[in-house]
Amino acid sequence: MKILALCTGNSERLPGKSYKTGIFKHPVNGAVMIDAEGLVGDAICNRKHHGGIDQAVYIEGSLTLDWWSGELGRPYEPGTFGENMVISDLDNRDVAVGDRFVTGDLIVEVTSCRMPCATFAASMADPKFVTHYTSAARPGLYCRVIRGGVAEAGMPVEHQPFSGEKVIMPELMETFGRRLSEMDRARYLAAPIHYKLRAVLEAQR
């Protein structure tokens, strides 16, 4: 595995909308510093729902994006989904909460899956894209930064699977917002899940 692209965005206004967003990402030439808040220089406009320590880096796997290229009927350009990093030979469906990706000094840990929103649909110019993305069950990966570092396209990446019971991305997307069984809730809480999801699950007790 290796980094195929690192992407950042600026604060831009969505066509027909009054608010600005940083969802429009573009590949960066050269090295990028990544700290606890994500890629330095990347715009995060709505911090209530985006960014923060448990959503610092958003990753897409190249195998998933190849699938989307077929679905969309056109070549996929890095940054189209608002991702910060594209990793080669990775299928999002195989990734679980707690999995780590290591490249150089940088270590990131998966906390949750990407849930599509109206801004995402607007950026894709498709009001039905939230449904399309959800039904595809190949959500992108939100990560916290365990150790910051400098990264750039071409660097090798090591995928370190979580050692505990798995909560894979399609399952996390399918159960989002639902009440879990006692057994599943315990499994989710045993993983290093996003702090907001953890709070929701703990409140179900």
C-alpha atoms as a PDB file:
ATOM      1  CA  MET A   1       0.000   0.000   0.000  1.00  0.00           C
ATOM      2  CA  LYS A   2       1.034   3.595  -0.540  1.00  0.00           C
ATOM      3  CA  ILE A   3      -0.397   7.094  -0.493  1.00  0.00           C
ATOM      4  CA  LEU A   4      -1.779   7.902  -3.932  1.00  0.00           C
ATOM      5  CA  ALA A   5      -2.905  11.427  -3.070  1.00  0.00           C
ATOM      6  CA  LEU A   6      -3.140  13.937  -0.235  1.00  0.00           C
ATOM      7  CA  CYS A   7      -5.897  16.504  -0.679  1.00  0.00           C
ATOM      8  CA  THR A   8      -6.802  19.792   0.965  1.00  0.00           C
ATOM      9  CA  GLY A   9      -9.484  22.377   0.287  1.00  0.00           C
ATOM     10  CA  ASN A  10     -10.279  26.048   0.675  1.00  0.00           C
ATOM     11  CA  SER A  11     -13.400  27.670   2.046  1.00  0.00           C
ATOM     12  CA  GLU A  12     -15.757  27.869  -0.947  1.00  0.00           C
ATOM     13  CA  ARG A  13     -19.435  28.662  -1.442  1.00  0.00           C
ATOM     14  CA  LEU A  14     -21.621  25.891  -2.778  1.00  0.00           C
ATOM     15  CA  PRO A  15     -23.585  26.845  -5.914  1.00  0.00           C
ATOM     16  CA  GLY A  16     -27.052  27.970  -4.887  1.00  0.00           C
ATOM     17  CA  LYS A  17     -26.202  27.878  -1.154  1.00  0.00           C
ATOM     18  CA  SER A  18     -25.530  30.665   1.329  1.00  0.00           C
ATOM     19  CA  TYR A  19     -22.883  28.857   3.338  1.00  0.00           C
ATOM     20  CA  LYS A  20     -19.260  27.949   2.652  1.00  0.00           C
ATOM     21  CA  THR A  21     -17.699  24.506   2.781  1.00  0.00           C
ATOM     22  CA  GLY A  22     -14.277  22.914   2.617  1.00  0.00           C
ATOM     23  CA  ILE A  23     -15.549  19.761   0.872  1.00  0.00           C
ATOM     24  CA  PHE A  24     -13.930  20.628  -2.458  1.00  0.00           C
ATOM     25  CA  LYS A  25     -10.495  19.017  -2.067  1.00  0.00           C
ATOM     26  CA  HIS A  26      -7.631  18.975  -4.541  1.00  0.00           C
ATOM     27  CA  PRO A  27      -4.378  16.973  -4.586  1.00  0.00           C
ATOM     28  CA  VAL A  28      -1.353  18.645  -3.026  1.00  0.00           C
ATOM     29  CA  ASN A  29       2.059  18.598  -4.665  1.00  0.00           C
ATOM     30  CA  GLY A  30       4.758  17.842  -2.123  1.00  0.00           C
ATOM     31  CA  ALA A  31       4.767  17.099   1.575  1.00  0.00           C
ATOM     32  CA  VAL A  32       1.997  17.988   4.035  1.00  0.00           C
ATOM     33  CA  MET A  33       2.210  18.274   7.807  1.00  0.00           C
ATOM     34  CA  ILE A  34      -0.543  16.339   9.583  1.00  0.00           C
ATOM     35  CA  ASP A  35      -1.221  17.091  13.247  1.00  0.00           C
ATOM     36  CA  ALA A  36      -4.011  16.314  15.729  1.00  0.00           C
ATOM     37  CA  GLU A  37      -6.419  18.570  13.801  1.00  0.00           C
ATOM     38  CA  GLY A  38      -5.635  17.060  10.400  1.00  0.00           C
ATOM     39  CA  LEU A  39      -3.803  18.310   7.326  1.00  0.00           C
ATOM     40  CA  VAL A  40      -2.305  21.731   7.983  1.00  0.00           C
ATOM     41  CA  GLY A  41      -3.908  24.274   5.664  1.00  0.00           C
ATOM     42  CA  ASP A  42      -7.093  22.271   5.029  1.00  0.00           C
ATOM     43  CA  ALA A  43     -10.284  24.312   5.442  1.00  0.00           C
ATOM     44  CA  ILE A  44     -12.894  23.041   7.914  1.00  0.00           C
ATOM     45  CA  CYS A  45     -15.957  25.305   7.816  1.00  0.00           C
ATOM     46  CA  ASN A  46     -18.642  23.553   9.879  1.00  0.00           C
ATOM     47  CA  ARG A  47     -16.863  22.304  12.962  1.00  0.00           C
ATOM     48  CA  LYS A  48     -20.079  21.089  14.572  1.00  0.00           C
ATOM     49  CA  HIS A  49     -20.176  18.175  12.133  1.00  0.00           C
ATOM     50  CA  HIS A  50     -16.737  18.120  10.504  1.00  0.00           C
ATOM     51  CA  GLY A  51     -13.144  18.031  11.664  1.00  0.00           C
ATOM     52  CA  GLY A  52     -12.062  17.694  15.269  1.00  0.00           C
ATOM     53  CA  ILE A  53      -9.707  15.217  16.875  1.00  0.00           C
ATOM     54  CA  ASP A  54     -11.737  12.100  15.964  1.00  0.00           C
ATOM     55  CA  GLN A  55     -12.373  13.255  12.381  1.00  0.00           C
ATOM     56  CA  ALA A  56      -8.966  14.758  11.729  1.00  0.00           C
ATOM     57  CA  VAL A  57      -8.185  12.773   8.567  1.00  0.00           C
ATOM     58  CA  TYR A  58     -10.665  11.368   6.059  1.00  0.00           C
ATOM     59  CA  ILE A  59      -9.383   8.396   4.011  1.00  0.00           C
ATOM     60  CA  GLU A  60     -10.681   6.647   0.903  1.00  0.00           C
ATOM     61  CA  GLY A  61      -9.277   3.373  -0.439  1.00  0.00           C
ATOM     62  CA  SER A  62      -8.356   3.160  -4.118  1.00  0.00           C
ATOM     63  CA  LEU A  63     -10.302  -0.077  -4.646  1.00  0.00           C
ATOM     64  CA  THR A  64     -13.435   1.619  -3.359  1.00  0.00           C
ATOM     65  CA  LEU A  65     -12.833   4.630  -5.585  1.00  0.00           C
ATOM     66  CA  ASP A  66     -12.286   2.352  -8.594  1.00  0.00           C
ATOM     67  CA  TRP A  67     -15.734   0.906  -7.871  1.00  0.00           C
ATOM     68  CA  TRP A  68     -17.206   4.409  -7.679  1.00  0.00           C
ATOM     69  CA  SER A  69     -15.577   5.314 -10.973  1.00  0.00           C
ATOM     70  CA  GLY A  70     -17.607   2.524 -12.563  1.00  0.00           C
ATOM     71  CA  GLU A  71     -20.759   3.633 -10.766  1.00  0.00           C
ATOM     72  CA  LEU A  72     -20.327   7.261 -11.804  1.00  0.00           C
ATOM     73  CA  GLY A  73     -19.306   6.370 -15.339  1.00  0.00           C
ATOM     74  CA  ARG A  74     -16.222   8.558 -15.321  1.00  0.00           C
ATOM     75  CA  PRO A  75     -12.664   8.554 -13.985  1.00  0.00           C
ATOM     76  CA  TYR A  76     -12.497   9.403 -10.288  1.00  0.00           C
ATOM     77  CA  GLU A  77     -10.435  12.478  -9.427  1.00  0.00           C
ATOM     78  CA  PRO A  78      -8.805  12.457  -5.960  1.00  0.00           C
ATOM     79  CA  GLY A  79     -10.644  14.773  -3.581  1.00  0.00           C
ATOM     80  CA  THR A  80     -14.059  14.356  -5.246  1.00  0.00           C
ATOM     81  CA  PHE A  81     -15.610  12.951  -2.059  1.00  0.00           C
ATOM     82  CA  GLY A  82     -13.814  15.484   0.127  1.00  0.00           C
ATOM     83  CA  GLU A  83     -11.195  12.976   1.237  1.00  0.00           C
ATOM     84  CA  ASN A  84      -7.794  13.990   2.610  1.00  0.00           C
ATOM     85  CA  MET A  85      -5.940  10.816   1.686  1.00  0.00           C
ATOM     86  CA  VAL A  86      -6.243   8.077  -0.922  1.00  0.00           C
ATOM     87  CA  ILE A  87      -4.500   4.778  -0.114  1.00  0.00           C
ATOM     88  CA  SER A  88      -3.743   2.211  -2.818  1.00  0.00           C
ATOM     89  CA  ASP A  89      -5.019  -1.396  -2.724  1.00  0.00           C
ATOM     90  CA  LEU A  90      -7.499  -0.617   0.052  1.00  0.00           C
ATOM     91  CA  ASP A  91     -11.182  -1.558   0.100  1.00  0.00           C
ATOM     92  CA  ASN A  92     -13.116   0.492   2.660  1.00  0.00           C
ATOM     93  CA  ARG A  93     -15.357  -2.495   3.402  1.00  0.00           C
ATOM     94  CA  ASP A  94     -12.418  -4.376   4.928  1.00  0.00           C
ATOM     95  CA  VAL A  95     -11.567  -1.669   7.469  1.00  0.00           C
ATOM     96  CA  ALA A  96     -12.670  -1.720  11.125  1.00  0.00           C
ATOM     97  CA  VAL A  97     -12.751   0.787  13.951  1.00  0.00           C
ATOM     98  CA  GLY A  98      -9.317   0.773  15.592  1.00  0.00           C
ATOM     99  CA  ASP A  99      -7.395  -0.165  12.454  1.00  0.00           C
ATOM    100  CA  ARG A 100      -4.270   1.947  12.062  1.00  0.00           C
ATOM    101  CA  PHE A 101      -2.421   3.257   9.032  1.00  0.00           C
ATOM    102  CA  VAL A 102       1.257   4.034   9.449  1.00  0.00           C
ATOM    103  CA  THR A 103       3.384   6.010   7.008  1.00  0.00           C
ATOM    104  CA  GLY A 104       6.697   7.522   8.026  1.00  0.00           C
ATOM    105  CA  ASP A 105       6.221   9.050  11.486  1.00  0.00           C
ATOM    106  CA  LEU A 106       2.480   9.433  10.961  1.00  0.00           C
ATOM    107  CA  ILE A 107       0.008   7.083  12.670  1.00  0.00           C
ATOM    108  CA  VAL A 108      -3.757   7.466  12.207  1.00  0.00           C
ATOM    109  CA  GLU A 109      -6.478   5.332  13.770  1.00  0.00           C
ATOM    110  CA  VAL A 110      -9.946   4.701  12.333  1.00  0.00           C
ATOM    111  CA  THR A 111     -12.762   5.989  14.569  1.00  0.00           C
ATOM    112  CA  SER A 112     -15.892   5.877  12.430  1.00  0.00           C
ATOM    113  CA  CYS A 113     -17.352   5.779   8.942  1.00  0.00           C
ATOM    114  CA  ARG A 114     -18.387   8.709   6.791  1.00  0.00           C
ATOM    115  CA  MET A 115     -22.140   9.355   6.819  1.00  0.00           C
ATOM    116  CA  PRO A 116     -23.249  11.343   3.762  1.00  0.00           C
ATOM    117  CA  CYS A 117     -24.981  14.702   4.180  1.00  0.00           C
ATOM    118  CA  ALA A 118     -26.783  17.337   2.108  1.00  0.00           C
ATOM    119  CA  THR A 119     -23.524  19.225   1.520  1.00  0.00           C
ATOM    120  CA  PHE A 120     -21.985  16.074   0.041  1.00  0.00           C
ATOM    121  CA  ALA A 121     -24.985  15.615  -2.258  1.00  0.00           C
ATOM    122  CA  ALA A 122     -24.787  19.273  -3.326  1.00  0.00           C
ATOM    123  CA  SER A 123     -21.079  18.969  -4.079  1.00  0.00           C
ATOM    124  CA  MET A 124     -21.881  15.976  -6.302  1.00  0.00           C
ATOM    125  CA  ALA A 125     -24.722  17.925  -7.963  1.00  0.00           C
ATOM    126  CA  ASP A 126     -27.023  14.979  -7.240  1.00  0.00           C
ATOM    127  CA  PRO A 127     -29.857  15.359  -4.675  1.00  0.00           C
ATOM    128  CA  LYS A 128     -30.155  11.557  -4.495  1.00  0.00           C
ATOM    129  CA  PHE A 129     -26.468  10.947  -3.810  1.00  0.00           C
ATOM    130  CA  VAL A 130     -26.950  10.492  -0.052  1.00  0.00           C
ATOM    131  CA  THR A 131     -29.160   7.479  -0.795  1.00  0.00           C
ATOM    132  CA  HIS A 132     -26.765   6.217  -3.470  1.00  0.00           C
ATOM    133  CA  TYR A 133     -23.737   6.474  -1.164  1.00  0.00           C
ATOM    134  CA  THR A 134     -25.551   4.827   1.750  1.00  0.00           C
ATOM    135  CA  SER A 135     -26.883   1.936  -0.313  1.00  0.00           C
ATOM    136  CA  ALA A 136     -23.392   1.308  -1.739  1.00  0.00           C
ATOM    137  CA  ALA A 137     -22.206   0.478   1.824  1.00  0.00           C
ATOM    138  CA  ARG A 138     -18.615   1.488   1.090  1.00  0.00           C
ATOM    139  CA  PRO A 139     -18.193   4.436   3.461  1.00  0.00           C
ATOM    140  CA  GLY A 140     -14.999   6.406   3.788  1.00  0.00           C
ATOM    141  CA  LEU A 141     -12.902   6.322   6.949  1.00  0.00           C
ATOM    142  CA  TYR A 142     -12.621   9.010   9.616  1.00  0.00           C
ATOM    143  CA  CYS A 143      -9.425   8.852  11.660  1.00  0.00           C
ATOM    144  CA  ARG A 144      -7.794  10.409  14.695  1.00  0.00           C
ATOM    145  CA  VAL A 145      -4.085  11.186  14.624  1.00  0.00           C
ATOM    146  CA  ILE A 146      -2.159   9.048  17.110  1.00  0.00           C
ATOM    147  CA  ARG A 147       1.192  10.531  16.095  1.00  0.00           C
ATOM    148  CA  GLY A 148       1.617  13.487  13.766  1.00  0.00           C
ATOM    149  CA  GLY A 149       4.082  13.655  10.937  1.00  0.00           C
ATOM    150  CA  VAL A 150       4.844  14.744   7.411  1.00  0.00           C
ATOM    151  CA  ALA A 151       3.356  12.756   4.537  1.00  0.00           C
ATOM    152  CA  GLU A 152       3.321  12.949   0.754  1.00  0.00           C
ATOM    153  CA  ALA A 153       2.072  10.972  -2.211  1.00  0.00           C
ATOM    154  CA  GLY A 154       4.151   7.886  -2.941  1.00  0.00           C
ATOM    155  CA  MET A 155       5.006   7.067   0.679  1.00  0.00           C
ATOM    156  CA  PRO A 156       4.434   3.406   1.698  1.00  0.00           C
ATOM    157  CA  VAL A 157       1.575   2.694   4.094  1.00  0.00           C
ATOM    158  CA  GLU A 158       1.268  -0.160   6.599  1.00  0.00           C
ATOM    159  CA  HIS A 159      -2.255  -1.277   7.521  1.00  0.00           C
ATOM    160  CA  GLN A 160      -2.368  -2.542  11.121  1.00  0.00           C
ATOM    161  CA  PRO A 161      -5.725  -4.268  11.865  1.00  0.00           C
ATOM    162  CA  PHE A 162      -7.396  -3.743  15.251  1.00  0.00           C
ATOM    163  CA  SER A 163      -6.643  -6.649  17.570  1.00  0.00           C
ATOM    164  CA  GLY A 164     -10.055  -6.771  19.223  1.00  0.00           C
ATOM    165  CA  GLU A 165     -13.510  -7.741  17.962  1.00  0.00           C
ATOM    166  CA  LYS A 166     -14.244  -6.026  14.657  1.00  0.00           C
ATOM    167  CA  VAL A 167     -16.716  -3.258  13.921  1.00  0.00           C
ATOM    168  CA  ILE A 168     -16.337  -2.911  10.153  1.00  0.00           C
ATOM    169  CA  MET A 169     -17.357   0.161   8.201  1.00  0.00           C
ATOM    170  CA  PRO A 170     -20.438  -1.269   6.409  1.00  0.00           C
ATOM    171  CA  GLU A 171     -21.821  -2.507   9.734  1.00  0.00           C
ATOM    172  CA  LEU A 172     -21.183   0.839  11.400  1.00  0.00           C
ATOM    173  CA  MET A 173     -23.004   2.635   8.584  1.00  0.00           C
ATOM    174  CA  GLU A 174     -25.941   0.196   8.689  1.00  0.00           C
ATOM    175  CA  THR A 175     -26.424   0.540  12.455  1.00  0.00           C
ATOM    176  CA  PHE A 176     -25.858   4.315  12.640  1.00  0.00           C
ATOM    177  CA  GLY A 177     -28.553   5.894  14.809  1.00  0.00           C
ATOM    178  CA  ARG A 178     -30.055   2.554  15.797  1.00  0.00           C
ATOM    179  CA  ARG A 179     -30.316   1.026  19.238  1.00  0.00           C
ATOM    180  CA  LEU A 180     -27.914  -1.899  19.535  1.00  0.00           C
ATOM    181  CA  SER A 181     -28.210  -5.168  21.394  1.00  0.00           C
ATOM    182  CA  GLU A 182     -26.279  -5.444  24.649  1.00  0.00           C
ATOM    183  CA  MET A 183     -23.697  -7.667  22.956  1.00  0.00           C
ATOM    184  CA  ASP A 184     -23.165  -5.361  19.988  1.00  0.00           C
ATOM    185  CA  ARG A 185     -23.028  -2.249  22.165  1.00  0.00           C
ATOM    186  CA  ALA A 186     -20.313  -3.862  24.297  1.00  0.00           C
ATOM    187  CA  ARG A 187     -18.376  -4.766  21.137  1.00  0.00           C
ATOM    188  CA  TYR A 188     -18.645  -1.226  19.768  1.00  0.00           C
ATOM    189  CA  LEU A 189     -17.572   0.304  23.084  1.00  0.00           C
ATOM    190  CA  ALA A 190     -14.581  -2.050  23.317  1.00  0.00           C
ATOM    191  CA  ALA A 191     -13.219  -0.475  20.144  1.00  0.00           C
ATOM    192  CA  PRO A 192     -11.646   3.026  20.050  1.00  0.00           C
ATOM    193  CA  ILE A 193     -14.782   4.466  18.450  1.00  0.00           C
ATOM    194  CA  HIS A 194     -15.463   8.172  17.750  1.00  0.00           C
ATOM    195  CA  TYR A 195     -16.153  10.026  21.006  1.00  0.00           C
ATOM    196  CA  LYS A 196     -19.577  11.239  19.800  1.00  0.00           C
ATOM    197  CA  LEU A 197     -20.695   7.708  18.944  1.00  0.00           C
ATOM    198  CA  ARG A 198     -19.296   6.499  22.253  1.00  0.00           C
ATOM    199  CA  ALA A 199     -21.418   9.051  24.129  1.00  0.00           C
ATOM    200  CA  VAL A 200     -24.552   7.923  22.269  1.00  0.00           C
ATOM    201  CA  LEU A 201     -23.858   4.261  22.991  1.00  0.00           C
ATOM    202  CA  GLU A 202     -23.112   4.871  26.651  1.00  0.00           C
ATOM    203  CA  ALA A 203     -26.383   6.801  26.984  1.00  0.00           C
ATOM    204  CA  GLN A 204     -28.259   3.672  25.796  1.00  0.00           C
ATOM    205  CA  ARG A 205     -27.258   1.756  28.912  1.00  0.00           C
END
